[in-house]
Amino acid sequence: MSDDSNKRGGLVALAMTGAVVLAAFLLIGGLQDPDRPMAPEAERLLEEKRATFLAEQGTPPACGAESLELVGAVLNEKGDPGTEFSADQDLRVAVAIRNPCPTVVRFQTPTACLAPLFRLTRPDGTVQEGGQMCAQMISDWEVEPEGAQRASFAIGNLPPGAYSVEIPVPGLEGSGTASFSVE
């Protein structure tokens, strides 16, 4: 290999890997001959820099359907979320499927609805199911980076007491849940 091509290769590597290559370059005193092993001190420094870089960057999220977050909420008639409501307010329960990833996440549900039902636990412990009619067909969904898909159901006025709601999303693990009270 000519001396010129050896220098060009060293400059390309330097541009690609920045400070790690620069530190190794300085430690070994110039361009490394590919047939000569790297100096132990340079190898140690490169490994330290690599470990520091990985520790600082962390592991990127998996960015698949398993990374989606299901969040439940109860909304007043204005659409504002809350945990305490009055008995004369018309309420809605909602689920948001949030994507914390920097990429679009795609998933499927076995129905045409994102969330076909909800379960409302009343103050006496009884569970009321409600929902909507949905075609039984596989449906594709996507959630934009840092975005969300939402579904909600009207539950109207409720008598005073403590409630909880669960809204499952078929095809995803878990449910959006929320607890609230009516006074």
C-alpha atoms as a PDB file:
ATOM      1  CA  MET A   1       0.000   0.000   0.000  1.00  0.00           C
ATOM      2  CA  SER A   2       1.410   3.404  -0.966  1.00  0.00           C
ATOM      3  CA  ASP A   3       2.144   6.016   1.650  1.00  0.00           C
ATOM      4  CA  ASP A   4      -0.466   8.350   0.075  1.00  0.00           C
ATOM      5  CA  SER A   5      -3.283   5.783   0.191  1.00  0.00           C
ATOM      6  CA  ASN A   6      -2.341   4.904   3.768  1.00  0.00           C
ATOM      7  CA  LYS A   7      -2.686   8.598   4.726  1.00  0.00           C
ATOM      8  CA  ARG A   8      -6.030   8.923   2.879  1.00  0.00           C
ATOM      9  CA  GLY A   9      -7.351   5.838   4.698  1.00  0.00           C
ATOM     10  CA  GLY A  10      -6.240   7.309   8.008  1.00  0.00           C
ATOM     11  CA  LEU A  11      -7.984  10.629   7.264  1.00  0.00           C
ATOM     12  CA  VAL A  12     -11.243   8.907   6.269  1.00  0.00           C
ATOM     13  CA  ALA A  13     -11.222   6.864   9.487  1.00  0.00           C
ATOM     14  CA  LEU A  14     -10.470  10.022  11.467  1.00  0.00           C
ATOM     15  CA  ALA A  15     -13.416  11.844   9.902  1.00  0.00           C
ATOM     16  CA  MET A  16     -15.747   8.897  10.525  1.00  0.00           C
ATOM     17  CA  THR A  17     -15.007   8.211  14.142  1.00  0.00           C
ATOM     18  CA  GLY A  18     -13.843  11.549  15.498  1.00  0.00           C
ATOM     19  CA  ALA A  19     -12.147  11.837  18.866  1.00  0.00           C
ATOM     20  CA  VAL A  20     -11.713   8.094  19.430  1.00  0.00           C
ATOM     21  CA  VAL A  21      -9.564   7.688  16.319  1.00  0.00           C
ATOM     22  CA  LEU A  22      -7.757  10.949  17.019  1.00  0.00           C
ATOM     23  CA  ALA A  23      -6.782   9.749  20.495  1.00  0.00           C
ATOM     24  CA  ALA A  24      -5.566   6.415  19.143  1.00  0.00           C
ATOM     25  CA  PHE A  25      -3.699   8.188  16.336  1.00  0.00           C
ATOM     26  CA  LEU A  26      -1.871  10.382  18.831  1.00  0.00           C
ATOM     27  CA  LEU A  27      -1.060   7.481  21.146  1.00  0.00           C
ATOM     28  CA  ILE A  28       0.464   5.317  18.474  1.00  0.00           C
ATOM     29  CA  GLY A  29       2.437   8.214  17.011  1.00  0.00           C
ATOM     30  CA  GLY A  30       1.129   8.439  13.452  1.00  0.00           C
ATOM     31  CA  LEU A  31      -0.387   6.207  10.830  1.00  0.00           C
ATOM     32  CA  GLN A  32      -0.746   2.593  11.902  1.00  0.00           C
ATOM     33  CA  ASP A  33       0.725  -0.096   9.685  1.00  0.00           C
ATOM     34  CA  PRO A  34      -2.089  -2.650   9.122  1.00  0.00           C
ATOM     35  CA  ASP A  35       0.410  -5.490   9.628  1.00  0.00           C
ATOM     36  CA  ARG A  36       1.563  -4.164  13.006  1.00  0.00           C
ATOM     37  CA  PRO A  37      -0.725  -4.694  16.032  1.00  0.00           C
ATOM     38  CA  MET A  38      -2.110  -1.641  17.805  1.00  0.00           C
ATOM     39  CA  ALA A  39      -0.216  -0.503  20.864  1.00  0.00           C
ATOM     40  CA  PRO A  40      -1.835  -1.840  24.087  1.00  0.00           C
ATOM     41  CA  GLU A  41      -2.331   1.691  25.430  1.00  0.00           C
ATOM     42  CA  ALA A  42      -4.162   2.730  22.244  1.00  0.00           C
ATOM     43  CA  GLU A  43      -6.391  -0.354  22.407  1.00  0.00           C
ATOM     44  CA  ARG A  44      -7.223   0.380  26.049  1.00  0.00           C
ATOM     45  CA  LEU A  45      -8.061   4.019  25.260  1.00  0.00           C
ATOM     46  CA  LEU A  46     -10.261   3.024  22.320  1.00  0.00           C
ATOM     47  CA  GLU A  47     -12.159   0.532  24.493  1.00  0.00           C
ATOM     48  CA  GLU A  48     -12.653   3.142  27.246  1.00  0.00           C
ATOM     49  CA  LYS A  49     -13.957   5.693  24.729  1.00  0.00           C
ATOM     50  CA  ARG A  50     -16.308   3.095  23.217  1.00  0.00           C
ATOM     51  CA  ALA A  51     -17.655   2.112  26.656  1.00  0.00           C
ATOM     52  CA  THR A  52     -18.135   5.788  27.625  1.00  0.00           C
ATOM     53  CA  PHE A  53     -19.950   6.509  24.353  1.00  0.00           C
ATOM     54  CA  LEU A  54     -22.308   3.532  24.819  1.00  0.00           C
ATOM     55  CA  ALA A  55     -22.994   4.456  28.459  1.00  0.00           C
ATOM     56  CA  GLU A  56     -23.809   8.065  27.514  1.00  0.00           C
ATOM     57  CA  GLN A  57     -26.022   7.146  24.552  1.00  0.00           C
ATOM     58  CA  GLY A  58     -27.927   4.316  26.211  1.00  0.00           C
ATOM     59  CA  THR A  59     -29.798   1.662  24.325  1.00  0.00           C
ATOM     60  CA  PRO A  60     -32.275   2.944  21.751  1.00  0.00           C
ATOM     61  CA  PRO A  61     -35.909   1.881  22.286  1.00  0.00           C
ATOM     62  CA  ALA A  62     -37.102  -1.245  20.484  1.00  0.00           C
ATOM     63  CA  CYS A  63     -39.594   0.875  18.540  1.00  0.00           C
ATOM     64  CA  GLY A  64     -42.103  -1.869  17.858  1.00  0.00           C
ATOM     65  CA  ALA A  65     -45.661  -2.427  19.043  1.00  0.00           C
ATOM     66  CA  GLU A  66     -44.266  -3.490  22.431  1.00  0.00           C
ATOM     67  CA  SER A  67     -42.886   0.023  22.956  1.00  0.00           C
ATOM     68  CA  LEU A  68     -46.315   1.712  22.657  1.00  0.00           C
ATOM     69  CA  GLU A  69     -47.769   3.130  25.885  1.00  0.00           C
ATOM     70  CA  LEU A  70     -51.483   2.789  26.708  1.00  0.00           C
ATOM     71  CA  VAL A  71     -52.817   5.663  28.798  1.00  0.00           C
ATOM     72  CA  GLY A  72     -56.375   5.891  30.114  1.00  0.00           C
ATOM     73  CA  ALA A  73     -58.177   9.121  30.981  1.00  0.00           C
ATOM     74  CA  VAL A  74     -61.572  10.464  31.980  1.00  0.00           C
ATOM     75  CA  LEU A  75     -62.696  13.652  30.227  1.00  0.00           C
ATOM     76  CA  ASN A  76     -65.348  16.256  31.066  1.00  0.00           C
ATOM     77  CA  GLU A  77     -67.744  17.663  28.457  1.00  0.00           C
ATOM     78  CA  LYS A  78     -65.066  20.137  27.316  1.00  0.00           C
ATOM     79  CA  GLY A  79     -62.601  17.297  26.712  1.00  0.00           C
ATOM     80  CA  ASP A  80     -60.415  18.197  29.697  1.00  0.00           C
ATOM     81  CA  PRO A  81     -58.934  15.235  31.594  1.00  0.00           C
ATOM     82  CA  GLY A  82     -59.408  14.988  35.333  1.00  0.00           C
ATOM     83  CA  THR A  83     -59.827  12.756  38.361  1.00  0.00           C
ATOM     84  CA  GLU A  84     -62.651  14.603  40.186  1.00  0.00           C
ATOM     85  CA  PHE A  85     -65.975  15.442  38.567  1.00  0.00           C
ATOM     86  CA  SER A  86     -69.444  16.589  39.593  1.00  0.00           C
ATOM     87  CA  ALA A  87     -72.526  14.384  39.153  1.00  0.00           C
ATOM     88  CA  ASP A  88     -74.011  16.756  36.571  1.00  0.00           C
ATOM     89  CA  GLN A  89     -71.080  16.482  34.132  1.00  0.00           C
ATOM     90  CA  ASP A  90     -71.287  14.375  30.963  1.00  0.00           C
ATOM     91  CA  LEU A  91     -68.153  12.237  31.018  1.00  0.00           C
ATOM     92  CA  ARG A  92     -66.132  10.326  28.450  1.00  0.00           C
ATOM     93  CA  VAL A  93     -63.508   7.648  28.998  1.00  0.00           C
ATOM     94  CA  ALA A  94     -60.547   7.590  26.630  1.00  0.00           C
ATOM     95  CA  VAL A  95     -57.426   5.666  25.787  1.00  0.00           C
ATOM     96  CA  ALA A  96     -54.352   7.079  24.066  1.00  0.00           C
ATOM     97  CA  ILE A  97     -51.804   4.817  22.413  1.00  0.00           C
ATOM     98  CA  ARG A  98     -48.599   6.863  22.627  1.00  0.00           C
ATOM     99  CA  ASN A  99     -45.418   6.295  20.661  1.00  0.00           C
ATOM    100  CA  PRO A 100     -42.271   7.325  22.572  1.00  0.00           C
ATOM    101  CA  CYS A 101     -40.053   6.345  19.630  1.00  0.00           C
ATOM    102  CA  PRO A 102     -38.441   8.570  16.997  1.00  0.00           C
ATOM    103  CA  THR A 103     -39.926   6.356  14.249  1.00  0.00           C
ATOM    104  CA  VAL A 104     -43.430   5.416  13.108  1.00  0.00           C
ATOM    105  CA  VAL A 105     -44.734   2.305  14.900  1.00  0.00           C
ATOM    106  CA  ARG A 106     -47.245   0.050  13.145  1.00  0.00           C
ATOM    107  CA  PHE A 107     -49.551  -2.500  14.754  1.00  0.00           C
ATOM    108  CA  GLN A 108     -52.704  -4.460  14.015  1.00  0.00           C
ATOM    109  CA  THR A 109     -56.005  -4.989  15.808  1.00  0.00           C
ATOM    110  CA  PRO A 110     -58.445  -7.843  15.119  1.00  0.00           C
ATOM    111  CA  THR A 111     -61.331  -5.362  14.724  1.00  0.00           C
ATOM    112  CA  ALA A 112     -62.024  -2.259  12.645  1.00  0.00           C
ATOM    113  CA  CYS A 113     -62.063  -0.241  15.891  1.00  0.00           C
ATOM    114  CA  LEU A 114     -58.968   0.833  17.744  1.00  0.00           C
ATOM    115  CA  ALA A 115     -60.628   0.096  21.099  1.00  0.00           C
ATOM    116  CA  PRO A 116     -64.013  -1.614  20.813  1.00  0.00           C
ATOM    117  CA  LEU A 117     -64.936  -1.670  24.526  1.00  0.00           C
ATOM    118  CA  PHE A 118     -64.346  -0.351  28.010  1.00  0.00           C
ATOM    119  CA  ARG A 119     -64.928  -1.750  31.508  1.00  0.00           C
ATOM    120  CA  LEU A 120     -66.206   0.625  34.181  1.00  0.00           C
ATOM    121  CA  THR A 121     -65.929  -0.511  37.800  1.00  0.00           C
ATOM    122  CA  ARG A 122     -68.653   1.167  39.853  1.00  0.00           C
ATOM    123  CA  PRO A 123     -68.463   2.130  43.565  1.00  0.00           C
ATOM    124  CA  ASP A 124     -70.248  -1.113  44.584  1.00  0.00           C
ATOM    125  CA  GLY A 125     -67.662  -3.219  42.711  1.00  0.00           C
ATOM    126  CA  THR A 126     -69.865  -4.207  39.774  1.00  0.00           C
ATOM    127  CA  VAL A 127     -68.272  -3.994  36.338  1.00  0.00           C
ATOM    128  CA  GLN A 128     -70.176  -2.463  33.463  1.00  0.00           C
ATOM    129  CA  GLU A 129     -68.961  -3.111  29.921  1.00  0.00           C
ATOM    130  CA  GLY A 130     -69.720  -0.710  27.123  1.00  0.00           C
ATOM    131  CA  GLY A 131     -68.423  -0.084  23.686  1.00  0.00           C
ATOM    132  CA  GLN A 132     -69.204   0.147  20.040  1.00  0.00           C
ATOM    133  CA  MET A 133     -70.061  -2.209  17.195  1.00  0.00           C
ATOM    134  CA  CYS A 134     -66.924  -3.086  15.262  1.00  0.00           C
ATOM    135  CA  ALA A 135     -66.389  -5.224  12.194  1.00  0.00           C
ATOM    136  CA  GLN A 136     -64.300  -8.301  12.905  1.00  0.00           C
ATOM    137  CA  MET A 137     -61.425  -7.673  10.502  1.00  0.00           C
ATOM    138  CA  ILE A 138     -57.711  -7.200  10.889  1.00  0.00           C
ATOM    139  CA  SER A 139     -56.954  -3.481  10.781  1.00  0.00           C
ATOM    140  CA  ASP A 140     -53.589  -1.795  10.386  1.00  0.00           C
ATOM    141  CA  TRP A 141     -52.742   1.234  12.520  1.00  0.00           C
ATOM    142  CA  GLU A 142     -49.722   3.470  12.813  1.00  0.00           C
ATOM    143  CA  VAL A 143     -48.598   5.968  15.394  1.00  0.00           C
ATOM    144  CA  GLU A 144     -46.361   8.830  14.334  1.00  0.00           C
ATOM    145  CA  PRO A 145     -43.087   9.493  16.210  1.00  0.00           C
ATOM    146  CA  GLU A 146     -43.861  11.067  19.597  1.00  0.00           C
ATOM    147  CA  GLY A 147     -47.545  10.967  18.559  1.00  0.00           C
ATOM    148  CA  ALA A 148     -50.689   9.124  19.647  1.00  0.00           C
ATOM    149  CA  GLN A 149     -53.840   7.404  18.407  1.00  0.00           C
ATOM    150  CA  ARG A 150     -56.962   7.907  20.537  1.00  0.00           C
ATOM    151  CA  ALA A 151     -60.355   6.333  21.131  1.00  0.00           C
ATOM    152  CA  SER A 152     -63.089   7.486  23.512  1.00  0.00           C
ATOM    153  CA  PHE A 153     -66.560   6.515  24.732  1.00  0.00           C
ATOM    154  CA  ALA A 154     -69.359   8.615  26.216  1.00  0.00           C
ATOM    155  CA  ILE A 155     -70.456   7.399  29.657  1.00  0.00           C
ATOM    156  CA  GLY A 156     -72.705  10.343  30.574  1.00  0.00           C
ATOM    157  CA  ASN A 157     -73.574  11.400  34.135  1.00  0.00           C
ATOM    158  CA  LEU A 158     -72.667   9.103  37.014  1.00  0.00           C
ATOM    159  CA  PRO A 159     -73.858   9.048  40.621  1.00  0.00           C
ATOM    160  CA  PRO A 160     -71.358  10.039  43.329  1.00  0.00           C
ATOM    161  CA  GLY A 161     -68.625   7.554  44.198  1.00  0.00           C
ATOM    162  CA  ALA A 162     -65.187   6.218  43.273  1.00  0.00           C
ATOM    163  CA  TYR A 163     -64.777   4.609  39.849  1.00  0.00           C
ATOM    164  CA  SER A 164     -62.106   3.025  37.706  1.00  0.00           C
ATOM    165  CA  VAL A 165     -62.046   2.338  34.002  1.00  0.00           C
ATOM    166  CA  GLU A 166     -60.066  -0.067  31.848  1.00  0.00           C
ATOM    167  CA  ILE A 167     -59.866   0.266  28.069  1.00  0.00           C
ATOM    168  CA  PRO A 168     -58.070  -2.622  26.355  1.00  0.00           C
ATOM    169  CA  VAL A 169     -56.690  -2.321  22.832  1.00  0.00           C
ATOM    170  CA  PRO A 170     -56.928  -5.739  21.151  1.00  0.00           C
ATOM    171  CA  GLY A 171     -53.603  -6.703  19.608  1.00  0.00           C
ATOM    172  CA  LEU A 172     -51.573  -4.745  22.168  1.00  0.00           C
ATOM    173  CA  GLU A 173     -50.584  -5.832  25.642  1.00  0.00           C
ATOM    174  CA  GLY A 174     -52.131  -4.055  28.595  1.00  0.00           C
ATOM    175  CA  SER A 175     -54.943  -1.537  28.857  1.00  0.00           C
ATOM    176  CA  GLY A 176     -55.379   2.169  29.361  1.00  0.00           C
ATOM    177  CA  THR A 177     -56.623   2.627  32.931  1.00  0.00           C
ATOM    178  CA  ALA A 178     -57.798   5.541  35.062  1.00  0.00           C
ATOM    179  CA  SER A 179     -59.387   6.071  38.461  1.00  0.00           C
ATOM    180  CA  PHE A 180     -61.717   8.958  39.209  1.00  0.00           C
ATOM    181  CA  SER A 181     -64.410  10.154  41.572  1.00  0.00           C
ATOM    182  CA  VAL A 182     -67.777  11.824  41.146  1.00  0.00           C
ATOM    183  CA  GLU A 183     -69.111  14.134  43.851  1.00  0.00           C
END
